[in-house]
Amino acid sequence: YTFKNDVVVEAGIAFDTRNGTLDKKSRDGI
């Protein structure tokens, strides 16, 4: 919804996939 002063309020709903990889190594590669 956009108000007369151009402020916009927004809501949504979505199916969202979030993928990631974890490696059992420390950040220095050991």
PDB file of all heavy atoms in Angstrom:
ATOM      1  N   TYR A   1       0.859  -1.184   0.000  1.00  0.00           N
ATOM      2  CA  TYR A   1       0.000   0.000   0.000  1.00  0.00           C
ATOM      3  C   TYR A   1       0.896   1.235   0.000  1.00  0.00           C
ATOM      4  O   TYR A   1       1.834   1.341   0.794  1.00  0.00           O
ATOM      5  CB  TYR A   1      -0.894   0.012   1.231  1.00  0.00           C
ATOM      6  CG  TYR A   1      -1.850   1.186   1.248  1.00  0.00           C
ATOM      7  CD1 TYR A   1      -3.022   1.147   0.509  1.00  0.00           C
ATOM      8  CD2 TYR A   1      -1.567   2.331   1.985  1.00  0.00           C
ATOM      9  CE1 TYR A   1      -3.899   2.229   0.509  1.00  0.00           C
ATOM     10  CE2 TYR A   1      -2.426   3.407   1.995  1.00  0.00           C
ATOM     11  CZ  TYR A   1      -3.595   3.352   1.251  1.00  0.00           C
ATOM     12  OH  TYR A   1      -4.453   4.423   1.254  1.00  0.00           O
ATOM     13  N   THR A   2       0.595   2.184  -0.891  1.00  0.00           N
ATOM     14  CA  THR A   2       1.360   3.421  -0.984  1.00  0.00           C
ATOM     15  C   THR A   2       0.529   4.575  -0.430  1.00  0.00           C
ATOM     16  O   THR A   2      -0.582   4.833  -0.898  1.00  0.00           O
ATOM     17  CB  THR A   2       1.753   3.725  -2.445  1.00  0.00           C
ATOM     18  OG1 THR A   2       2.478   2.619  -2.984  1.00  0.00           O
ATOM     19  CG2 THR A   2       2.614   4.976  -2.515  1.00  0.00           C
ATOM     20  N   PHE A   3       1.059   5.252   0.568  1.00  0.00           N
ATOM     21  CA  PHE A   3       0.386   6.405   1.164  1.00  0.00           C
ATOM     22  C   PHE A   3       0.597   7.653   0.301  1.00  0.00           C
ATOM     23  O   PHE A   3       1.421   7.659  -0.612  1.00  0.00           O
ATOM     24  CB  PHE A   3       0.914   6.645   2.580  1.00  0.00           C
ATOM     25  CG  PHE A   3       0.562   5.550   3.549  1.00  0.00           C
ATOM     26  CD1 PHE A   3       1.430   4.483   3.734  1.00  0.00           C
ATOM     27  CD2 PHE A   3      -0.624   5.578   4.258  1.00  0.00           C
ATOM     28  CE1 PHE A   3       1.123   3.463   4.623  1.00  0.00           C
ATOM     29  CE2 PHE A   3      -0.952   4.570   5.149  1.00  0.00           C
ATOM     30  CZ  PHE A   3      -0.074   3.508   5.330  1.00  0.00           C
ATOM     31  N   LYS A   4      -0.138   8.709   0.612  1.00  0.00           N
ATOM     32  CA  LYS A   4      -0.057   9.939  -0.175  1.00  0.00           C
ATOM     33  C   LYS A   4       1.319  10.579  -0.113  1.00  0.00           C
ATOM     34  O   LYS A   4       1.704  11.322  -1.011  1.00  0.00           O
ATOM     35  CB  LYS A   4      -1.120  10.936   0.298  1.00  0.00           C
ATOM     36  CG  LYS A   4      -2.547  10.498   0.005  1.00  0.00           C
ATOM     37  CD  LYS A   4      -3.550  11.543   0.451  1.00  0.00           C
ATOM     38  CE  LYS A   4      -4.979  11.121   0.127  1.00  0.00           C
ATOM     39  NZ  LYS A   4      -5.963  12.121   0.561  1.00  0.00           N
ATOM     40  N   ASN A   5       2.065  10.314   0.977  1.00  0.00           N
ATOM     41  CA  ASN A   5       3.421  10.874   1.111  1.00  0.00           C
ATOM     42  C   ASN A   5       4.479   9.962   0.493  1.00  0.00           C
ATOM     43  O   ASN A   5       5.674  10.144   0.729  1.00  0.00           O
ATOM     44  CB  ASN A   5       3.749  11.149   2.563  1.00  0.00           C
ATOM     45  CG  ASN A   5       3.676   9.887   3.424  1.00  0.00           C
ATOM     46  OD1 ASN A   5       3.373   8.799   2.933  1.00  0.00           O
ATOM     47  ND2 ASN A   5       3.942  10.040   4.712  1.00  0.00           N
ATOM     48  N   ASP A   6       4.033   8.950  -0.310  1.00  0.00           N
ATOM     49  CA  ASP A   6       4.904   8.020  -1.033  1.00  0.00           C
ATOM     50  C   ASP A   6       5.617   7.006  -0.134  1.00  0.00           C
ATOM     51  O   ASP A   6       6.554   6.343  -0.566  1.00  0.00           O
ATOM     52  CB  ASP A   6       5.948   8.766  -1.875  1.00  0.00           C
ATOM     53  CG  ASP A   6       5.303   9.501  -3.043  1.00  0.00           C
ATOM     54  OD1 ASP A   6       4.314   8.985  -3.586  1.00  0.00           O
ATOM     55  OD2 ASP A   6       5.793  10.605  -3.387  1.00  0.00           O
ATOM     56  N   VAL A   7       5.185   6.888   1.114  1.00  0.00           N
ATOM     57  CA  VAL A   7       5.667   5.805   1.972  1.00  0.00           C
ATOM     58  C   VAL A   7       4.929   4.519   1.588  1.00  0.00           C
ATOM     59  O   VAL A   7       3.714   4.518   1.419  1.00  0.00           O
ATOM     60  CB  VAL A   7       5.454   6.123   3.463  1.00  0.00           C
ATOM     61  CG1 VAL A   7       5.771   4.905   4.331  1.00  0.00           C
ATOM     62  CG2 VAL A   7       6.323   7.305   3.871  1.00  0.00           C
ATOM     63  N   VAL A   8       5.678   3.433   1.438  1.00  0.00           N
ATOM     64  CA  VAL A   8       5.111   2.163   1.003  1.00  0.00           C
ATOM     65  C   VAL A   8       5.267   1.124   2.120  1.00  0.00           C
ATOM     66  O   VAL A   8       6.363   0.938   2.656  1.00  0.00           O
ATOM     67  CB  VAL A   8       5.806   1.637  -0.274  1.00  0.00           C
ATOM     68  CG1 VAL A   8       5.179   0.323  -0.725  1.00  0.00           C
ATOM     69  CG2 VAL A   8       5.738   2.677  -1.381  1.00  0.00           C
ATOM     70  N   VAL A   9       4.162   0.450   2.455  1.00  0.00           N
ATOM     71  CA  VAL A   9       4.196  -0.675   3.383  1.00  0.00           C
ATOM     72  C   VAL A   9       3.910  -1.934   2.588  1.00  0.00           C
ATOM     73  O   VAL A   9       2.965  -1.972   1.793  1.00  0.00           O
ATOM     74  CB  VAL A   9       3.157  -0.504   4.514  1.00  0.00           C
ATOM     75  CG1 VAL A   9       3.169  -1.724   5.433  1.00  0.00           C
ATOM     76  CG2 VAL A   9       3.452   0.756   5.311  1.00  0.00           C
ATOM     77  N   GLU A  10       4.737  -2.970   2.785  1.00  0.00           N
ATOM     78  CA  GLU A  10       4.628  -4.174   1.958  1.00  0.00           C
ATOM     79  C   GLU A  10       4.753  -5.438   2.796  1.00  0.00           C
ATOM     80  O   GLU A  10       5.545  -5.501   3.735  1.00  0.00           O
ATOM     81  CB  GLU A  10       5.702  -4.159   0.867  1.00  0.00           C
ATOM     82  CG  GLU A  10       5.657  -5.353  -0.077  1.00  0.00           C
ATOM     83  CD  GLU A  10       6.589  -5.176  -1.253  1.00  0.00           C
ATOM     84  OE1 GLU A  10       6.279  -4.345  -2.133  1.00  0.00           O
ATOM     85  OE2 GLU A  10       7.647  -5.839  -1.279  1.00  0.00           O
ATOM     86  N   ALA A  11       3.969  -6.452   2.439  1.00  0.00           N
ATOM     87  CA  ALA A  11       4.065  -7.780   3.043  1.00  0.00           C
ATOM     88  C   ALA A  11       4.091  -8.804   1.928  1.00  0.00           C
ATOM     89  O   ALA A  11       3.644  -8.546   0.810  1.00  0.00           O
ATOM     90  CB  ALA A  11       2.882  -8.039   3.975  1.00  0.00           C
ATOM     91  N   GLY A  12       4.629  -9.969   2.221  1.00  0.00           N
ATOM     92  CA  GLY A  12       4.696 -11.014   1.209  1.00  0.00           C
ATOM     93  C   GLY A  12       4.737 -12.389   1.832  1.00  0.00           C
ATOM     94  O   GLY A  12       4.895 -12.546   3.046  1.00  0.00           O
ATOM     95  N   ILE A  13       4.601 -13.388   0.986  1.00  0.00           N
ATOM     96  CA  ILE A  13       4.752 -14.770   1.400  1.00  0.00           C
ATOM     97  C   ILE A  13       5.290 -15.550   0.210  1.00  0.00           C
ATOM     98  O   ILE A  13       4.851 -15.354  -0.923  1.00  0.00           O
ATOM     99  CB  ILE A  13       3.421 -15.351   1.918  1.00  0.00           C
ATOM    100  CG1 ILE A  13       3.638 -16.747   2.509  1.00  0.00           C
ATOM    101  CG2 ILE A  13       2.360 -15.373   0.831  1.00  0.00           C
ATOM    102  CD1 ILE A  13       2.432 -17.255   3.296  1.00  0.00           C
ATOM    103  N   ALA A  14       6.295 -16.401   0.447  1.00  0.00           N
ATOM    104  CA  ALA A  14       6.947 -17.095  -0.665  1.00  0.00           C
ATOM    105  C   ALA A  14       7.516 -18.430  -0.200  1.00  0.00           C
ATOM    106  O   ALA A  14       7.842 -18.614   0.980  1.00  0.00           O
ATOM    107  CB  ALA A  14       8.068 -16.241  -1.259  1.00  0.00           C
ATOM    108  N   PHE A  15       7.629 -19.356  -1.141  1.00  0.00           N
ATOM    109  CA  PHE A  15       8.380 -20.583  -0.933  1.00  0.00           C
ATOM    110  C   PHE A  15       9.818 -20.279  -1.316  1.00  0.00           C
ATOM    111  O   PHE A  15      10.095 -19.839  -2.441  1.00  0.00           O
ATOM    112  CB  PHE A  15       7.818 -21.712  -1.799  1.00  0.00           C
ATOM    113  CG  PHE A  15       8.570 -23.001  -1.670  1.00  0.00           C
ATOM    114  CD1 PHE A  15       8.353 -23.832  -0.580  1.00  0.00           C
ATOM    115  CD2 PHE A  15       9.494 -23.381  -2.627  1.00  0.00           C
ATOM    116  CE1 PHE A  15       9.056 -25.025  -0.451  1.00  0.00           C
ATOM    117  CE2 PHE A  15      10.197 -24.579  -2.511  1.00  0.00           C
ATOM    118  CZ  PHE A  15       9.972 -25.393  -1.408  1.00  0.00           C
ATOM    119  N   ASP A  16      10.748 -20.509  -0.392  1.00  0.00           N
ATOM    120  CA  ASP A  16      12.114 -20.009  -0.533  1.00  0.00           C
ATOM    121  C   ASP A  16      13.093 -21.133  -0.206  1.00  0.00           C
ATOM    122  O   ASP A  16      13.009 -21.754   0.846  1.00  0.00           O
ATOM    123  CB  ASP A  16      12.291 -18.841   0.441  1.00  0.00           C
ATOM    124  CG  ASP A  16      13.569 -18.066   0.227  1.00  0.00           C
ATOM    125  OD1 ASP A  16      14.543 -18.637  -0.276  1.00  0.00           O
ATOM    126  OD2 ASP A  16      13.598 -16.877   0.587  1.00  0.00           O
ATOM    127  N   THR A  17      14.027 -21.431  -1.128  1.00  0.00           N
ATOM    128  CA  THR A  17      15.061 -22.431  -0.850  1.00  0.00           C
ATOM    129  C   THR A  17      16.376 -21.727  -0.557  1.00  0.00           C
ATOM    130  O   THR A  17      16.760 -20.791  -1.258  1.00  0.00           O
ATOM    131  CB  THR A  17      15.252 -23.399  -2.030  1.00  0.00           C
ATOM    132  OG1 THR A  17      15.732 -22.686  -3.172  1.00  0.00           O
ATOM    133  CG2 THR A  17      13.946 -24.089  -2.383  1.00  0.00           C
ATOM    134  N   ARG A  18      17.042 -22.175   0.498  1.00  0.00           N
ATOM    135  CA  ARG A  18      18.309 -21.581   0.921  1.00  0.00           C
ATOM    136  C   ARG A  18      19.312 -22.698   1.129  1.00  0.00           C
ATOM    137  O   ARG A  18      19.239 -23.446   2.096  1.00  0.00           O
ATOM    138  CB  ARG A  18      18.108 -20.778   2.198  1.00  0.00           C
ATOM    139  CG  ARG A  18      17.014 -19.735   2.011  1.00  0.00           C
ATOM    140  CD  ARG A  18      17.005 -18.703   3.080  1.00  0.00           C
ATOM    141  NE  ARG A  18      16.034 -17.674   2.720  1.00  0.00           N
ATOM    142  CZ  ARG A  18      16.012 -16.460   3.246  1.00  0.00           C
ATOM    143  NH1 ARG A  18      16.899 -16.122   4.143  1.00  0.00           N
ATOM    144  NH2 ARG A  18      15.112 -15.587   2.868  1.00  0.00           N
ATOM    145  N   ASN A  19      20.236 -22.803   0.204  1.00  0.00           N
ATOM    146  CA  ASN A  19      21.187 -23.909   0.211  1.00  0.00           C
ATOM    147  C   ASN A  19      22.559 -23.427   0.651  1.00  0.00           C
ATOM    148  O   ASN A  19      22.933 -22.283   0.416  1.00  0.00           O
ATOM    149  CB  ASN A  19      21.283 -24.522  -1.180  1.00  0.00           C
ATOM    150  CG  ASN A  19      19.921 -24.918  -1.718  1.00  0.00           C
ATOM    151  OD1 ASN A  19      19.051 -25.341  -0.966  1.00  0.00           O
ATOM    152  ND2 ASN A  19      19.720 -24.776  -3.016  1.00  0.00           N
ATOM    153  N   GLY A  20      23.308 -24.312   1.290  1.00  0.00           N
ATOM    154  CA  GLY A  20      24.663 -23.947   1.703  1.00  0.00           C
ATOM    155  C   GLY A  20      25.510 -25.175   1.924  1.00  0.00           C
ATOM    156  O   GLY A  20      24.999 -26.268   2.150  1.00  0.00           O
ATOM    157  N   THR A  21      26.830 -25.012   1.885  1.00  0.00           N
ATOM    158  CA  THR A  21      27.759 -26.114   2.093  1.00  0.00           C
ATOM    159  C   THR A  21      28.642 -25.826   3.298  1.00  0.00           C
ATOM    160  O   THR A  21      29.204 -24.737   3.423  1.00  0.00           O
ATOM    161  CB  THR A  21      28.643 -26.312   0.844  1.00  0.00           C
ATOM    162  OG1 THR A  21      27.823 -26.642  -0.261  1.00  0.00           O
ATOM    163  CG2 THR A  21      29.646 -27.437   1.060  1.00  0.00           C
ATOM    164  N   LEU A  22      28.764 -26.814   4.159  1.00  0.00           N
ATOM    165  CA  LEU A  22      29.655 -26.736   5.310  1.00  0.00           C
ATOM    166  C   LEU A  22      30.755 -27.771   5.141  1.00  0.00           C
ATOM    167  O   LEU A  22      30.494 -28.930   4.838  1.00  0.00           O
ATOM    168  CB  LEU A  22      28.881 -27.021   6.603  1.00  0.00           C
ATOM    169  CG  LEU A  22      27.752 -26.051   6.949  1.00  0.00           C
ATOM    170  CD1 LEU A  22      27.007 -26.553   8.166  1.00  0.00           C
ATOM    171  CD2 LEU A  22      28.305 -24.666   7.192  1.00  0.00           C
ATOM    172  N   ASP A  23      31.994 -27.355   5.348  1.00  0.00           N
ATOM    173  CA  ASP A  23      33.144 -28.243   5.187  1.00  0.00           C
ATOM    174  C   ASP A  23      33.855 -28.336   6.530  1.00  0.00           C
ATOM    175  O   ASP A  23      34.151 -27.310   7.148  1.00  0.00           O
ATOM    176  CB  ASP A  23      34.087 -27.667   4.124  1.00  0.00           C
ATOM    177  CG  ASP A  23      35.108 -28.698   3.656  1.00  0.00           C
ATOM    178  OD1 ASP A  23      35.336 -29.662   4.407  1.00  0.00           O
ATOM    179  OD2 ASP A  23      35.661 -28.525   2.561  1.00  0.00           O
ATOM    180  N   LYS A  24      34.117 -29.555   6.989  1.00  0.00           N
ATOM    181  CA  LYS A  24      34.718 -29.717   8.307  1.00  0.00           C
ATOM    182  C   LYS A  24      36.206 -29.410   8.262  1.00  0.00           C
ATOM    183  O   LYS A  24      37.062 -30.254   8.478  1.00  0.00           O
ATOM    184  CB  LYS A  24      34.482 -31.120   8.841  1.00  0.00           C
ATOM    185  CG  LYS A  24      34.255 -31.160  10.349  1.00  0.00           C
ATOM    186  CD  LYS A  24      33.650 -32.470  10.778  1.00  0.00           C
ATOM    187  CE  LYS A  24      33.207 -32.388  12.229  1.00  0.00           C
ATOM    188  NZ  LYS A  24      32.580 -33.645  12.682  1.00  0.00           N
ATOM    189  N   LYS A  25      36.504 -28.156   7.908  1.00  0.00           N
ATOM    190  CA  LYS A  25      37.871 -27.653   7.907  1.00  0.00           C
ATOM    191  C   LYS A  25      37.876 -26.300   8.596  1.00  0.00           C
ATOM    192  O   LYS A  25      36.876 -25.589   8.592  1.00  0.00           O
ATOM    193  CB  LYS A  25      38.404 -27.485   6.480  1.00  0.00           C
ATOM    194  CG  LYS A  25      38.558 -28.778   5.692  1.00  0.00           C
ATOM    195  CD  LYS A  25      39.103 -28.476   4.312  1.00  0.00           C
ATOM    196  CE  LYS A  25      39.271 -29.737   3.494  1.00  0.00           C
ATOM    197  NZ  LYS A  25      39.762 -29.445   2.130  1.00  0.00           N
ATOM    198  N   SER A  26      38.976 -25.937   9.170  1.00  0.00           N
ATOM    199  CA  SER A  26      39.090 -24.601   9.712  1.00  0.00           C
ATOM    200  C   SER A  26      39.299 -23.626   8.562  1.00  0.00           C
ATOM    201  O   SER A  26      39.575 -24.024   7.434  1.00  0.00           O
ATOM    202  CB  SER A  26      40.266 -24.518  10.693  1.00  0.00           C
ATOM    203  OG  SER A  26      41.472 -24.769  10.009  1.00  0.00           O
ATOM    204  N   ARG A  27      39.203 -22.338   8.840  1.00  0.00           N
ATOM    205  CA  ARG A  27      39.276 -21.355   7.764  1.00  0.00           C
ATOM    206  C   ARG A  27      40.663 -21.268   7.132  1.00  0.00           C
ATOM    207  O   ARG A  27      40.807 -20.774   6.024  1.00  0.00           O
ATOM    208  CB  ARG A  27      38.854 -19.987   8.298  1.00  0.00           C
ATOM    209  CG  ARG A  27      37.376 -19.948   8.645  1.00  0.00           C
ATOM    210  CD  ARG A  27      36.902 -18.551   8.915  1.00  0.00           C
ATOM    211  NE  ARG A  27      35.471 -18.545   9.172  1.00  0.00           N
ATOM    212  CZ  ARG A  27      34.755 -17.444   9.339  1.00  0.00           C
ATOM    213  NH1 ARG A  27      35.342 -16.276   9.270  1.00  0.00           N
ATOM    214  NH2 ARG A  27      33.473 -17.509   9.565  1.00  0.00           N
ATOM    215  N   ASP A  28      41.694 -21.750   7.850  1.00  0.00           N
ATOM    216  CA  ASP A  28      43.027 -21.719   7.240  1.00  0.00           C
ATOM    217  C   ASP A  28      43.281 -22.957   6.396  1.00  0.00           C
ATOM    218  O   ASP A  28      44.376 -23.155   5.885  1.00  0.00           O
ATOM    219  CB  ASP A  28      44.120 -21.578   8.313  1.00  0.00           C
ATOM    220  CG  ASP A  28      44.067 -22.723   9.326  1.00  0.00           C
ATOM    221  OD1 ASP A  28      43.299 -23.683   9.111  1.00  0.00           O
ATOM    222  OD2 ASP A  28      44.794 -22.641  10.324  1.00  0.00           O
ATOM    223  N   GLY A  29      42.256 -23.818   6.226  1.00  0.00           N
ATOM    224  CA  GLY A  29      42.367 -24.965   5.342  1.00  0.00           C
ATOM    225  C   GLY A  29      42.870 -26.232   6.007  1.00  0.00           C
ATOM    226  O   GLY A  29      42.977 -27.277   5.373  1.00  0.00           O
ATOM    227  N   ILE A  30      43.169 -26.176   7.313  1.00  0.00           N
ATOM    228  CA  ILE A  30      43.654 -27.361   8.015  1.00  0.00           C
ATOM    229  C   ILE A  30      42.466 -28.247   8.383  1.00  0.00           C
ATOM    230  O   ILE A  30      41.512 -27.799   9.009  1.00  0.00           O
ATOM    231  CB  ILE A  30      44.429 -26.964   9.289  1.00  0.00           C
ATOM    232  CG1 ILE A  30      45.631 -26.094   8.911  1.00  0.00           C
ATOM    233  CG2 ILE A  30      44.861 -28.206  10.057  1.00  0.00           C
ATOM    234  CD1 ILE A  30      46.387 -25.570  10.109  1.00  0.00           C
TER     235      ILE A  30
END
